[in-house]
PDB file of N, CA and C in Angstrom:
ATOM      1  N   UNK A   1     -44.327  -9.523 -50.594  1.00  0.00           N
ATOM      2  CA  UNK A   1     -43.117  -8.829 -50.177  1.00  0.00           C
ATOM      3  C   UNK A   1     -43.269  -7.319 -50.645  1.00  0.00           C
ATOM      4  N   UNK A   2     -43.726  -7.244 -51.783  1.00  0.00           N
ATOM      5  CA  UNK A   2     -43.935  -5.945 -52.541  1.00  0.00           C
ATOM      6  C   UNK A   2     -44.761  -5.100 -51.645  1.00  0.00           C
ATOM      7  N   UNK A   3     -45.969  -5.657 -51.237  1.00  0.00           N
ATOM      8  CA  UNK A   3     -46.815  -5.044 -50.662  1.00  0.00           C
ATOM      9  C   UNK A   3     -46.572  -4.225 -49.623  1.00  0.00           C
ATOM     10  N   UNK A   4     -45.518  -5.138 -48.509  1.00  0.00           N
ATOM     11  CA  UNK A   4     -44.966  -4.780 -47.605  1.00  0.00           C
ATOM     12  C   UNK A   4     -44.049  -3.612 -47.677  1.00  0.00           C
ATOM     13  N   UNK A   5     -43.140  -3.546 -48.651  1.00  0.00           N
ATOM     14  CA  UNK A   5     -42.272  -2.659 -49.054  1.00  0.00           C
ATOM     15  C   UNK A   5     -42.847  -1.254 -49.257  1.00  0.00           C
ATOM     16  N   UNK A   6     -43.782  -1.546 -49.997  1.00  0.00           N
ATOM     17  CA  UNK A   6     -44.574  -0.249 -50.535  1.00  0.00           C
ATOM     18  C   UNK A   6     -45.204   0.346 -49.211  1.00  0.00           C
ATOM     19  N   UNK A   7     -45.728  -0.533 -48.555  1.00  0.00           N
ATOM     20  CA  UNK A   7     -46.389   0.066 -47.254  1.00  0.00           C
ATOM     21  C   UNK A   7     -45.440   0.857 -46.110  1.00  0.00           C
ATOM     22  N   UNK A   8     -44.276   0.669 -46.255  1.00  0.00           N
ATOM     23  CA  UNK A   8     -43.338   1.138 -45.664  1.00  0.00           C
ATOM     24  C   UNK A   8     -42.669   2.279 -46.043  1.00  0.00           C
ATOM     25  N   UNK A   9     -42.852   2.473 -47.413  1.00  0.00           N
ATOM     26  CA  UNK A   9     -42.074   3.741 -47.820  1.00  0.00           C
ATOM     27  C   UNK A   9     -43.275   4.757 -48.343  1.00  0.00           C
ATOM     28  N   UNK A  10     -44.209   4.570 -48.408  1.00  0.00           N
ATOM     29  CA  UNK A  10     -45.642   5.327 -48.752  1.00  0.00           C
ATOM     30  C   UNK A  10     -46.682   5.261 -47.782  1.00  0.00           C
ATOM     31  N   UNK A  11     -47.412   6.554 -47.357  1.00  0.00           N
ATOM     32  CA  UNK A  11     -48.640   6.288 -46.922  1.00  0.00           C
ATOM     33  C   UNK A  11     -48.759   6.637 -45.222  1.00  0.00           C
ATOM     34  N   UNK A  12     -49.604   6.413 -44.708  1.00  0.00           N
ATOM     35  CA  UNK A  12     -49.458   6.448 -43.160  1.00  0.00           C
ATOM     36  C   UNK A  12     -48.646   5.501 -42.345  1.00  0.00           C
ATOM     37  N   UNK A  13     -48.220   4.403 -42.819  1.00  0.00           N
ATOM     38  CA  UNK A  13     -47.337   3.562 -42.228  1.00  0.00           C
ATOM     39  C   UNK A  13     -45.741   3.921 -42.515  1.00  0.00           C
ATOM     40  N   UNK A  14     -45.517   4.790 -43.305  1.00  0.00           N
ATOM     41  CA  UNK A  14     -44.119   5.023 -43.864  1.00  0.00           C
ATOM     42  C   UNK A  14     -43.291   5.728 -42.818  1.00  0.00           C
ATOM     43  N   UNK A  15     -42.134   5.034 -42.786  1.00  0.00           N
ATOM     44  CA  UNK A  15     -41.015   5.461 -42.112  1.00  0.00           C
ATOM     45  C   UNK A  15     -40.455   7.000 -42.576  1.00  0.00           C
ATOM     46  N   UNK A  16     -40.164   7.586 -41.303  1.00  0.00           N
ATOM     47  CA  UNK A  16     -39.866   9.134 -41.324  1.00  0.00           C
ATOM     48  C   UNK A  16     -38.165   9.370 -42.077  1.00  0.00           C
ATOM     49  N   UNK A  17     -37.271   8.426 -42.170  1.00  0.00           N
ATOM     50  CA  UNK A  17     -36.035   8.540 -42.769  1.00  0.00           C
ATOM     51  C   UNK A  17     -35.851   8.666 -44.239  1.00  0.00           C
ATOM     52  N   UNK A  18     -35.819   9.764 -45.094  1.00  0.00           N
ATOM     53  CA  UNK A  18     -35.592   9.877 -46.270  1.00  0.00           C
ATOM     54  C   UNK A  18     -35.009   8.747 -47.026  1.00  0.00           C
ATOM     55  N   UNK A  19     -33.913   8.613 -46.751  1.00  0.00           N
ATOM     56  CA  UNK A  19     -33.023   7.766 -47.270  1.00  0.00           C
ATOM     57  C   UNK A  19     -33.717   6.269 -47.132  1.00  0.00           C
ATOM     58  N   UNK A  20     -33.929   5.930 -46.083  1.00  0.00           N
ATOM     59  CA  UNK A  20     -34.720   4.721 -46.084  1.00  0.00           C
ATOM     60  C   UNK A  20     -36.001   4.604 -46.786  1.00  0.00           C
ATOM     61  N   UNK A  21     -36.931   5.481 -47.062  1.00  0.00           N
ATOM     62  CA  UNK A  21     -37.799   5.537 -47.723  1.00  0.00           C
ATOM     63  C   UNK A  21     -37.301   4.967 -49.301  1.00  0.00           C
ATOM     64  N   UNK A  22     -36.319   5.963 -49.629  1.00  0.00           N
ATOM     65  CA  UNK A  22     -35.682   5.589 -50.810  1.00  0.00           C
ATOM     66  C   UNK A  22     -35.386   4.364 -51.262  1.00  0.00           C
ATOM     67  N   UNK A  23     -34.542   3.715 -50.093  1.00  0.00           N
ATOM     68  CA  UNK A  23     -34.152   2.235 -50.338  1.00  0.00           C
ATOM     69  C   UNK A  23     -35.548   1.494 -50.358  1.00  0.00           C
ATOM     70  N   UNK A  24     -36.445   1.723 -49.562  1.00  0.00           N
ATOM     71  CA  UNK A  24     -37.723   0.622 -49.595  1.00  0.00           C
ATOM     72  C   UNK A  24     -38.286   0.884 -50.992  1.00  0.00           C
ATOM     73  N   UNK A  25     -37.952   2.094 -51.471  1.00  0.00           N
ATOM     74  CA  UNK A  25     -39.121   1.914 -52.490  1.00  0.00           C
ATOM     75  C   UNK A  25     -38.226   1.147 -53.650  1.00  0.00           C
ATOM     76  N   UNK A  26     -36.829   1.475 -53.609  1.00  0.00           N
ATOM     77  CA  UNK A  26     -36.121   0.727 -54.690  1.00  0.00           C
ATOM     78  C   UNK A  26     -36.071  -1.055 -54.730  1.00  0.00           C
ATOM     79  N   UNK A  27     -36.395  -1.303 -53.323  1.00  0.00           N
ATOM     80  CA  UNK A  27     -36.553  -2.681 -53.539  1.00  0.00           C
ATOM     81  C   UNK A  27     -37.943  -3.116 -53.420  1.00  0.00           C
ATOM     82  N   UNK A  28     -38.986  -2.189 -53.220  1.00  0.00           N
ATOM     83  CA  UNK A  28     -40.108  -2.402 -53.801  1.00  0.00           C
ATOM     84  C   UNK A  28     -40.395  -2.713 -55.236  1.00  0.00           C
ATOM     85  N   UNK A  29     -39.514  -1.628 -55.940  1.00  0.00           N
ATOM     86  CA  UNK A  29     -39.482  -1.931 -57.560  1.00  0.00           C
ATOM     87  C   UNK A  29     -38.939  -3.461 -58.120  1.00  0.00           C
ATOM     88  N   UNK A  30     -37.725  -3.608 -57.094  1.00  0.00           N
ATOM     89  CA  UNK A  30     -36.971  -5.058 -57.492  1.00  0.00           C
ATOM     90  C   UNK A  30     -37.758  -6.193 -57.270  1.00  0.00           C
ATOM     91  N   UNK A  31     -38.429  -5.955 -56.207  1.00  0.00           N
ATOM     92  CA  UNK A  31     -39.487  -7.030 -55.811  1.00  0.00           C
ATOM     93  C   UNK A  31     -40.531  -7.363 -56.967  1.00  0.00           C
ATOM     94  N   UNK A  32     -41.476  -6.219 -57.563  1.00  0.00           N
ATOM     95  CA  UNK A  32     -42.213  -6.048 -58.552  1.00  0.00           C
ATOM     96  C   UNK A  32     -41.733  -6.554 -60.095  1.00  0.00           C
ATOM     97  N   UNK A  33     -40.443  -6.188 -59.955  1.00  0.00           N
ATOM     98  CA  UNK A  33     -39.698  -6.756 -61.069  1.00  0.00           C
ATOM     99  C   UNK A  33     -39.604  -8.407 -61.181  1.00  0.00           C
ATOM    100  N   UNK A  34     -39.207  -8.914 -60.055  1.00  0.00           N
ATOM    101  CA  UNK A  34     -38.990 -10.459 -59.894  1.00  0.00           C
ATOM    102  C   UNK A  34     -40.419 -11.130 -60.074  1.00  0.00           C
ATOM    103  N   UNK A  35     -41.216 -10.407 -59.219  1.00  0.00           N
ATOM    104  CA  UNK A  35     -42.758 -11.307 -59.192  1.00  0.00           C
ATOM    105  C   UNK A  35     -43.414 -11.152 -60.816  1.00  0.00           C
ATOM    106  N   UNK A  36     -42.966  -9.895 -61.503  1.00  0.00           N
ATOM    107  CA  UNK A  36     -43.420  -9.959 -63.126  1.00  0.00           C
ATOM    108  C   UNK A  36     -42.814 -11.053 -63.842  1.00  0.00           C
ATOM    109  N   UNK A  37     -41.249 -11.326 -63.607  1.00  0.00           N
ATOM    110  CA  UNK A  37     -40.557 -12.084 -64.203  1.00  0.00           C
ATOM    111  C   UNK A  37     -41.190 -13.569 -64.020  1.00  0.00           C
ATOM    112  N   UNK A  38     -41.940 -13.852 -62.883  1.00  0.00           N
ATOM    113  CA  UNK A  38     -42.089 -15.076 -62.187  1.00  0.00           C
ATOM    114  C   UNK A  38     -43.450 -14.954 -63.044  1.00  0.00           C
ATOM    115  N   UNK A  39     -44.342 -14.254 -62.944  1.00  0.00           N
ATOM    116  CA  UNK A  39     -45.432 -14.071 -63.751  1.00  0.00           C
ATOM    117  C   UNK A  39     -45.485 -14.238 -65.053  1.00  0.00           C
ATOM    118  N   UNK A  40     -44.873 -13.889 -65.825  1.00  0.00           N
ATOM    119  CA  UNK A  40     -44.866 -13.974 -67.399  1.00  0.00           C
ATOM    120  C   UNK A  40     -43.666 -14.353 -67.996  1.00  0.00           C
ATOM    121  N   UNK A  41     -42.514 -14.450 -67.191  1.00  0.00           N
ATOM    122  CA  UNK A  41     -41.304 -14.642 -67.804  1.00  0.00           C
ATOM    123  C   UNK A  41     -41.247 -15.920 -68.820  1.00  0.00           C
ATOM    124  N   UNK A  42     -41.789 -17.226 -68.234  1.00  0.00           N
ATOM    125  CA  UNK A  42     -41.703 -18.188 -69.259  1.00  0.00           C
ATOM    126  C   UNK A  42     -42.545 -18.205 -70.601  1.00  0.00           C
ATOM    127  N   UNK A  43     -43.791 -16.864 -70.499  1.00  0.00           N
ATOM    128  CA  UNK A  43     -44.604 -16.777 -71.803  1.00  0.00           C
ATOM    129  C   UNK A  43     -43.668 -16.125 -72.738  1.00  0.00           C
ATOM    130  N   UNK A  44     -42.901 -14.999 -72.095  1.00  0.00           N
ATOM    131  CA  UNK A  44     -42.018 -13.888 -72.964  1.00  0.00           C
ATOM    132  C   UNK A  44     -40.903 -14.995 -73.840  1.00  0.00           C
ATOM    133  N   UNK A  45     -40.393 -15.751 -72.584  1.00  0.00           N
ATOM    134  CA  UNK A  45     -39.358 -16.832 -73.592  1.00  0.00           C
ATOM    135  C   UNK A  45     -40.074 -17.735 -74.449  1.00  0.00           C
ATOM    136  N   UNK A  46     -41.192 -18.163 -74.386  1.00  0.00           N
ATOM    137  CA  UNK A  46     -41.798 -19.089 -75.482  1.00  0.00           C
ATOM    138  C   UNK A  46     -42.175 -18.327 -76.479  1.00  0.00           C
ATOM    139  N   UNK A  47     -42.634 -16.950 -76.461  1.00  0.00           N
ATOM    140  CA  UNK A  47     -42.936 -16.314 -77.524  1.00  0.00           C
ATOM    141  C   UNK A  47     -41.830 -15.707 -78.324  1.00  0.00           C
ATOM    142  N   UNK A  48     -40.741 -15.618 -77.656  1.00  0.00           N
ATOM    143  CA  UNK A  48     -39.282 -15.119 -78.213  1.00  0.00           C
ATOM    144  C   UNK A  48     -39.160 -16.580 -78.877  1.00  0.00           C
ATOM    145  N   UNK A  49     -38.925 -17.644 -78.727  1.00  0.00           N
ATOM    146  CA  UNK A  49     -38.720 -18.698 -79.510  1.00  0.00           C
ATOM    147  C   UNK A  49     -39.663 -19.080 -80.375  1.00  0.00           C
ATOM    148  N   UNK A  50     -40.846 -18.837 -80.449  1.00  0.00           N
ATOM    149  CA  UNK A  50     -41.956 -19.126 -81.427  1.00  0.00           C
ATOM    150  C   UNK A  50     -41.438 -17.917 -82.569  1.00  0.00           C
ATOM    151  N   UNK A  51     -41.248 -16.949 -82.228  1.00  0.00           N
ATOM    152  CA  UNK A  51     -40.493 -15.856 -83.289  1.00  0.00           C
ATOM    153  C   UNK A  51     -39.290 -16.506 -84.048  1.00  0.00           C
ATOM    154  N   UNK A  52     -38.620 -16.998 -83.219  1.00  0.00           N
ATOM    155  CA  UNK A  52     -37.285 -17.678 -83.703  1.00  0.00           C
ATOM    156  C   UNK A  52     -37.474 -18.662 -84.790  1.00  0.00           C
ATOM    157  N   UNK A  53     -38.608 -19.566 -84.279  1.00  0.00           N
ATOM    158  CA  UNK A  53     -38.989 -20.694 -85.235  1.00  0.00           C
ATOM    159  C   UNK A  53     -39.645 -20.000 -86.470  1.00  0.00           C
ATOM    160  N   UNK A  54     -39.983 -18.847 -86.691  1.00  0.00           N
ATOM    161  CA  UNK A  54     -40.811 -18.378 -87.962  1.00  0.00           C
ATOM    162  C   UNK A  54     -39.335 -17.964 -88.796  1.00  0.00           C
ATOM    163  N   UNK A  55     -38.579 -17.189 -88.068  1.00  0.00           N
ATOM    164  CA  UNK A  55     -37.462 -16.539 -88.697  1.00  0.00           C
ATOM    165  C   UNK A  55     -36.202 -17.755 -89.288  1.00  0.00           C
ATOM    166  N   UNK A  56     -36.022 -18.456 -88.526  1.00  0.00           N
ATOM    167  CA  UNK A  56     -35.220 -19.518 -88.593  1.00  0.00           C
ATOM    168  C   UNK A  56     -35.584 -20.775 -89.228  1.00  0.00           C
ATOM    169  N   UNK A  57     -36.697 -21.317 -89.140  1.00  0.00           N
ATOM    170  CA  UNK A  57     -37.173 -22.391 -89.787  1.00  0.00           C
ATOM    171  C   UNK A  57     -37.292 -23.452 -88.703  1.00  0.00           C
ATOM    172  N   UNK A  58     -36.827 -23.252 -87.753  1.00  0.00           N
ATOM    173  CA  UNK A  58     -36.944 -24.246 -86.553  1.00  0.00           C
ATOM    174  C   UNK A  58     -36.892 -23.524 -85.469  1.00  0.00           C
ATOM    175  N   UNK A  59     -37.502 -24.123 -84.441  1.00  0.00           N
ATOM    176  CA  UNK A  59     -37.699 -23.354 -82.971  1.00  0.00           C
ATOM    177  C   UNK A  59     -36.206 -24.047 -81.819  1.00  0.00           C
ATOM    178  N   UNK A  60     -35.522 -23.323 -81.695  1.00  0.00           N
ATOM    179  CA  UNK A  60     -34.272 -23.526 -80.790  1.00  0.00           C
ATOM    180  C   UNK A  60     -34.708 -24.476 -79.458  1.00  0.00           C
ATOM    181  N   UNK A  61     -34.050 -24.907 -78.773  1.00  0.00           N
ATOM    182  CA  UNK A  61     -34.363 -25.877 -77.938  1.00  0.00           C
ATOM    183  C   UNK A  61     -34.774 -24.784 -76.562  1.00  0.00           C
ATOM    184  N   UNK A  62     -33.898 -23.945 -76.164  1.00  0.00           N
ATOM    185  CA  UNK A  62     -34.175 -22.928 -75.192  1.00  0.00           C
ATOM    186  C   UNK A  62     -34.056 -21.410 -75.464  1.00  0.00           C
ATOM    187  N   UNK A  63     -33.921 -20.817 -74.744  1.00  0.00           N
ATOM    188  CA  UNK A  63     -33.904 -19.457 -74.715  1.00  0.00           C
ATOM    189  C   UNK A  63     -32.393 -19.008 -75.046  1.00  0.00           C
ATOM    190  N   UNK A  64     -31.385 -19.523 -74.317  1.00  0.00           N
ATOM    191  CA  UNK A  64     -30.052 -19.366 -74.364  1.00  0.00           C
ATOM    192  C   UNK A  64     -29.478 -19.925 -75.834  1.00  0.00           C
ATOM    193  N   UNK A  65     -30.024 -20.880 -76.289  1.00  0.00           N
ATOM    194  CA  UNK A  65     -29.736 -21.211 -77.767  1.00  0.00           C
ATOM    195  C   UNK A  65     -30.323 -20.507 -78.950  1.00  0.00           C
ATOM    196  N   UNK A  66     -31.348 -20.235 -78.478  1.00  0.00           N
ATOM    197  CA  UNK A  66     -32.042 -19.308 -79.364  1.00  0.00           C
ATOM    198  C   UNK A  66     -31.528 -17.820 -79.504  1.00  0.00           C
ATOM    199  N   UNK A  67     -30.749 -17.366 -78.525  1.00  0.00           N
ATOM    200  CA  UNK A  67     -30.191 -15.894 -78.668  1.00  0.00           C
ATOM    201  C   UNK A  67     -28.714 -16.132 -79.274  1.00  0.00           C
ATOM    202  N   UNK A  68     -28.034 -17.463 -78.988  1.00  0.00           N
ATOM    203  CA  UNK A  68     -26.938 -17.831 -79.835  1.00  0.00           C
ATOM    204  C   UNK A  68     -27.274 -17.826 -81.319  1.00  0.00           C
ATOM    205  N   UNK A  69     -28.022 -18.600 -81.694  1.00  0.00           N
ATOM    206  CA  UNK A  69     -28.713 -18.726 -83.265  1.00  0.00           C
ATOM    207  C   UNK A  69     -28.891 -17.308 -83.952  1.00  0.00           C
ATOM    208  N   UNK A  70     -29.731 -16.675 -83.017  1.00  0.00           N
ATOM    209  CA  UNK A  70     -30.135 -15.482 -83.803  1.00  0.00           C
ATOM    210  C   UNK A  70     -29.006 -14.496 -83.890  1.00  0.00           C
ATOM    211  N   UNK A  71     -28.103 -14.658 -82.975  1.00  0.00           N
ATOM    212  CA  UNK A  71     -26.723 -13.403 -83.243  1.00  0.00           C
ATOM    213  C   UNK A  71     -25.941 -14.001 -84.670  1.00  0.00           C
ATOM    214  N   UNK A  72     -26.041 -15.230 -84.711  1.00  0.00           N
ATOM    215  CA  UNK A  72     -25.364 -16.116 -85.899  1.00  0.00           C
ATOM    216  C   UNK A  72     -26.238 -15.546 -87.004  1.00  0.00           C
ATOM    217  N   UNK A  73     -27.531 -15.570 -86.835  1.00  0.00           N
ATOM    218  CA  UNK A  73     -28.091 -15.138 -88.084  1.00  0.00           C
ATOM    219  C   UNK A  73     -28.015 -13.727 -88.347  1.00  0.00           C
ATOM    220  N   UNK A  74     -27.823 -13.117 -87.460  1.00  0.00           N
ATOM    221  CA  UNK A  74     -27.713 -11.198 -87.713  1.00  0.00           C
ATOM    222  C   UNK A  74     -26.483 -11.265 -88.448  1.00  0.00           C
ATOM    223  N   UNK A  75     -25.222 -11.856 -87.596  1.00  0.00           N
ATOM    224  CA  UNK A  75     -23.957 -11.592 -88.218  1.00  0.00           C
ATOM    225  C   UNK A  75     -24.337 -12.115 -89.855  1.00  0.00           C
ATOM    226  N   UNK A  76     -24.595 -13.195 -90.034  1.00  0.00           N
ATOM    227  CA  UNK A  76     -24.709 -13.857 -91.446  1.00  0.00           C
ATOM    228  C   UNK A  76     -25.368 -12.854 -92.692  1.00  0.00           C
ATOM    229  N   UNK A  77     -26.222 -12.042 -91.625  1.00  0.00           N
ATOM    230  CA  UNK A  77     -27.083 -11.398 -92.881  1.00  0.00           C
ATOM    231  C   UNK A  77     -26.584 -10.044 -93.299  1.00  0.00           C
ATOM    232  N   UNK A  78     -25.522  -9.533 -91.856  1.00  0.00           N
ATOM    233  CA  UNK A  78     -25.217  -8.186 -91.820  1.00  0.00           C
ATOM    234  C   UNK A  78     -24.534  -7.690 -93.321  1.00  0.00           C
ATOM    235  N   UNK A  79     -24.154  -8.231 -94.051  1.00  0.00           N
ATOM    236  CA  UNK A  79     -23.769  -7.718 -94.946  1.00  0.00           C
ATOM    237  C   UNK A  79     -24.637  -7.461 -96.170  1.00  0.00           C
ATOM    238  N   UNK A  80     -25.642  -8.214 -96.406  1.00  0.00           N
ATOM    239  CA  UNK A  80     -26.453  -8.006 -97.413  1.00  0.00           C
ATOM    240  C   UNK A  80     -27.777  -7.668 -97.048  1.00  0.00           C
ATOM    241  N   UNK A  81     -28.112  -7.612 -95.730  1.00  0.00           N
ATOM    242  CA  UNK A  81     -29.403  -6.954 -95.180  1.00  0.00           C
ATOM    243  C   UNK A  81     -30.545  -7.582 -95.649  1.00  0.00           C
ATOM    244  N   UNK A  82     -30.564  -8.962 -96.040  1.00  0.00           N
ATOM    245  CA  UNK A  82     -31.780  -9.333 -96.617  1.00  0.00           C
ATOM    246  C   UNK A  82     -32.937  -9.386 -95.778  1.00  0.00           C
ATOM    247  N   UNK A  83     -32.501  -9.736 -94.548  1.00  0.00           N
ATOM    248  CA  UNK A  83     -33.886 -10.185 -93.612  1.00  0.00           C
ATOM    249  C   UNK A  83     -33.914  -8.684 -92.709  1.00  0.00           C
ATOM    250  N   UNK A  84     -33.224  -7.467 -93.247  1.00  0.00           N
ATOM    251  CA  UNK A  84     -33.420  -6.447 -92.083  1.00  0.00           C
ATOM    252  C   UNK A  84     -35.185  -6.224 -91.740  1.00  0.00           C
ATOM    253  N   UNK A  85     -35.915  -6.145 -92.648  1.00  0.00           N
ATOM    254  CA  UNK A  85     -37.269  -6.124 -92.191  1.00  0.00           C
ATOM    255  C   UNK A  85     -37.865  -6.954 -91.139  1.00  0.00           C
ATOM    256  N   UNK A  86     -37.638  -8.381 -91.427  1.00  0.00           N
ATOM    257  CA  UNK A  86     -38.082  -9.693 -90.745  1.00  0.00           C
ATOM    258  C   UNK A  86     -37.218  -9.310 -89.178  1.00  0.00           C
ATOM    259  N   UNK A  87     -36.075  -8.786 -89.269  1.00  0.00           N
ATOM    260  CA  UNK A  87     -35.197  -8.760 -87.918  1.00  0.00           C
ATOM    261  C   UNK A  87     -35.816  -7.553 -87.187  1.00  0.00           C
ATOM    262  N   UNK A  88     -36.274  -6.260 -88.017  1.00  0.00           N
ATOM    263  CA  UNK A  88     -36.664  -5.348 -87.325  1.00  0.00           C
ATOM    264  C   UNK A  88     -38.122  -5.521 -86.569  1.00  0.00           C
ATOM    265  N   UNK A  89     -39.191  -6.443 -87.504  1.00  0.00           N
ATOM    266  CA  UNK A  89     -39.940  -6.730 -86.706  1.00  0.00           C
ATOM    267  C   UNK A  89     -39.975  -7.696 -85.689  1.00  0.00           C
ATOM    268  N   UNK A  90     -39.072  -8.357 -85.669  1.00  0.00           N
ATOM    269  CA  UNK A  90     -38.916  -9.395 -84.379  1.00  0.00           C
ATOM    270  C   UNK A  90     -38.181  -8.519 -83.296  1.00  0.00           C
ATOM    271  N   UNK A  91     -37.156  -7.581 -83.442  1.00  0.00           N
ATOM    272  CA  UNK A  91     -36.710  -7.081 -82.224  1.00  0.00           C
ATOM    273  C   UNK A  91     -37.594  -6.167 -81.683  1.00  0.00           C
ATOM    274  N   UNK A  92     -38.574  -5.487 -82.312  1.00  0.00           N
ATOM    275  CA  UNK A  92     -39.301  -4.807 -82.056  1.00  0.00           C
ATOM    276  C   UNK A  92     -40.505  -5.607 -80.898  1.00  0.00           C
ATOM    277  N   UNK A  93     -40.698  -6.550 -81.495  1.00  0.00           N
ATOM    278  CA  UNK A  93     -41.683  -7.522 -80.646  1.00  0.00           C
ATOM    279  C   UNK A  93     -40.914  -7.545 -79.637  1.00  0.00           C
ATOM    280  N   UNK A  94     -39.833  -8.641 -79.527  1.00  0.00           N
ATOM    281  CA  UNK A  94     -39.022  -8.789 -78.266  1.00  0.00           C
ATOM    282  C   UNK A  94     -38.870  -7.624 -77.189  1.00  0.00           C
ATOM    283  N   UNK A  95     -38.709  -6.400 -77.759  1.00  0.00           N
ATOM    284  CA  UNK A  95     -38.373  -5.039 -77.149  1.00  0.00           C
ATOM    285  C   UNK A  95     -39.828  -4.802 -76.292  1.00  0.00           C
ATOM    286  N   UNK A  96     -40.972  -5.097 -77.101  1.00  0.00           N
ATOM    287  CA  UNK A  96     -42.254  -4.822 -76.190  1.00  0.00           C
ATOM    288  C   UNK A  96     -42.520  -5.762 -75.033  1.00  0.00           C
ATOM    289  N   UNK A  97     -42.146  -7.143 -75.627  1.00  0.00           N
ATOM    290  CA  UNK A  97     -42.208  -7.899 -74.470  1.00  0.00           C
ATOM    291  C   UNK A  97     -41.229  -7.883 -73.379  1.00  0.00           C
ATOM    292  N   UNK A  98     -39.958  -7.195 -73.484  1.00  0.00           N
ATOM    293  CA  UNK A  98     -39.200  -6.982 -72.454  1.00  0.00           C
ATOM    294  C   UNK A  98     -39.577  -5.865 -71.479  1.00  0.00           C
ATOM    295  N   UNK A  99     -40.469  -4.876 -72.330  1.00  0.00           N
ATOM    296  CA  UNK A  99     -40.936  -3.570 -71.493  1.00  0.00           C
ATOM    297  C   UNK A  99     -42.263  -4.253 -70.576  1.00  0.00           C
ATOM    298  N   UNK A 100     -42.909  -5.460 -71.268  1.00  0.00           N
ATOM    299  CA  UNK A 100     -43.750  -5.915 -70.032  1.00  0.00           C
ATOM    300  C   UNK A 100     -43.388  -6.384 -68.868  1.00  0.00           C
ATOM    301  N   UNK A 101     -42.371  -7.025 -69.116  1.00  0.00           N
ATOM    302  CA  UNK A 101     -41.472  -7.643 -67.838  1.00  0.00           C
ATOM    303  C   UNK A 101     -41.295  -6.601 -66.599  1.00  0.00           C
ATOM    304  N   UNK A 102     -41.322  -5.075 -67.112  1.00  0.00           N
ATOM    305  CA  UNK A 102     -40.825  -4.039 -66.059  1.00  0.00           C
ATOM    306  C   UNK A 102     -41.757  -3.924 -65.012  1.00  0.00           C
ATOM    307  N   UNK A 103     -43.060  -4.437 -65.221  1.00  0.00           N
ATOM    308  CA  UNK A 103     -44.118  -4.394 -64.141  1.00  0.00           C
ATOM    309  C   UNK A 103     -45.551  -4.633 -64.857  1.00  0.00           C
ATOM    310  N   UNK A 104     -46.586  -4.852 -64.179  1.00  0.00           N
ATOM    311  CA  UNK A 104     -47.752  -4.962 -64.635  1.00  0.00           C
ATOM    312  C   UNK A 104     -48.513  -4.034 -65.603  1.00  0.00           C
ATOM    313  N   UNK A 105     -49.403  -4.298 -66.368  1.00  0.00           N
ATOM    314  CA  UNK A 105     -49.890  -2.952 -66.914  1.00  0.00           C
ATOM    315  C   UNK A 105     -50.438  -1.791 -66.339  1.00  0.00           C
ATOM    316  N   UNK A 106     -50.311  -0.585 -66.724  1.00  0.00           N
ATOM    317  CA  UNK A 106     -50.766   0.472 -65.968  1.00  0.00           C
ATOM    318  C   UNK A 106     -49.598   0.923 -65.151  1.00  0.00           C
ATOM    319  N   UNK A 107     -48.802  -0.022 -64.662  1.00  0.00           N
ATOM    320  CA  UNK A 107     -47.686   0.552 -63.450  1.00  0.00           C
ATOM    321  C   UNK A 107     -46.936   1.791 -64.447  1.00  0.00           C
ATOM    322  N   UNK A 108     -46.422   2.480 -63.474  1.00  0.00           N
ATOM    323  CA  UNK A 108     -45.545   3.515 -63.747  1.00  0.00           C
ATOM    324  C   UNK A 108     -44.199   2.979 -64.441  1.00  0.00           C
ATOM    325  N   UNK A 109     -43.608   1.804 -64.087  1.00  0.00           N
ATOM    326  CA  UNK A 109     -42.710   1.318 -64.978  1.00  0.00           C
ATOM    327  C   UNK A 109     -42.933   1.003 -66.314  1.00  0.00           C
ATOM    328  N   UNK A 110     -44.132   0.390 -66.724  1.00  0.00           N
ATOM    329  CA  UNK A 110     -44.458  -0.251 -67.852  1.00  0.00           C
ATOM    330  C   UNK A 110     -45.330   0.504 -68.839  1.00  0.00           C
ATOM    331  N   UNK A 111     -45.220   2.111 -68.180  1.00  0.00           N
ATOM    332  CA  UNK A 111     -46.272   3.304 -68.907  1.00  0.00           C
ATOM    333  C   UNK A 111     -45.216   3.797 -69.723  1.00  0.00           C
ATOM    334  N   UNK A 112     -45.613   3.667 -70.984  1.00  0.00           N
ATOM    335  CA  UNK A 112     -44.678   4.456 -71.957  1.00  0.00           C
ATOM    336  C   UNK A 112     -45.004   5.802 -72.327  1.00  0.00           C
ATOM    337  N   UNK A 113     -44.423   6.825 -71.824  1.00  0.00           N
ATOM    338  CA  UNK A 113     -45.067   8.314 -71.996  1.00  0.00           C
ATOM    339  C   UNK A 113     -44.290   8.779 -73.303  1.00  0.00           C
ATOM    340  N   UNK A 114     -44.886   9.352 -74.109  1.00  0.00           N
ATOM    341  CA  UNK A 114     -44.477   9.959 -75.440  1.00  0.00           C
ATOM    342  C   UNK A 114     -43.731  10.873 -75.301  1.00  0.00           C
ATOM    343  N   UNK A 115     -42.310  11.073 -76.188  1.00  0.00           N
ATOM    344  CA  UNK A 115     -41.303  12.004 -76.084  1.00  0.00           C
ATOM    345  C   UNK A 115     -41.937  13.303 -76.406  1.00  0.00           C
ATOM    346  N   UNK A 116     -41.470  14.361 -75.728  1.00  0.00           N
ATOM    347  CA  UNK A 116     -41.836  15.697 -76.116  1.00  0.00           C
ATOM    348  C   UNK A 116     -41.321  16.015 -77.322  1.00  0.00           C
ATOM    349  N   UNK A 117     -42.044  16.726 -78.208  1.00  0.00           N
ATOM    350  CA  UNK A 117     -41.702  17.270 -79.549  1.00  0.00           C
ATOM    351  C   UNK A 117     -40.776  18.462 -79.487  1.00  0.00           C
ATOM    352  N   UNK A 118     -39.855  18.785 -80.137  1.00  0.00           N
ATOM    353  CA  UNK A 118     -39.007  20.128 -79.999  1.00  0.00           C
ATOM    354  C   UNK A 118     -39.286  20.982 -81.163  1.00  0.00           C
ATOM    355  N   UNK A 119     -40.672  20.970 -81.725  1.00  0.00           N
ATOM    356  CA  UNK A 119     -41.036  22.004 -82.723  1.00  0.00           C
ATOM    357  C   UNK A 119     -41.581  23.174 -82.089  1.00  0.00           C
TER     358      UNK A 119
END
């Protein structure tokens, strides 16, 4: 599906209407996101649960339960900040995994460009 949408929005077979090109390109991106979620989504969830196992001392049964337990853990630690460093590492790893869901390696959506310095 993504290939067909891309062929209609860019290249020799592209449609002439600019708004239609825009919509086709948006649909192409959505199709790529869905394909990427199908491709690696289960592994991302399993890796998140494995990380929670290290933090919580047990592996939650599923992603939804893991999110609820993580929220409770963060709220319980909020006052003391005892686990701030561990949580920082955990959230960084989860953010990197979430970024992988945007597209395959090398795609424009999954490429992180450095921020311009203001010096």
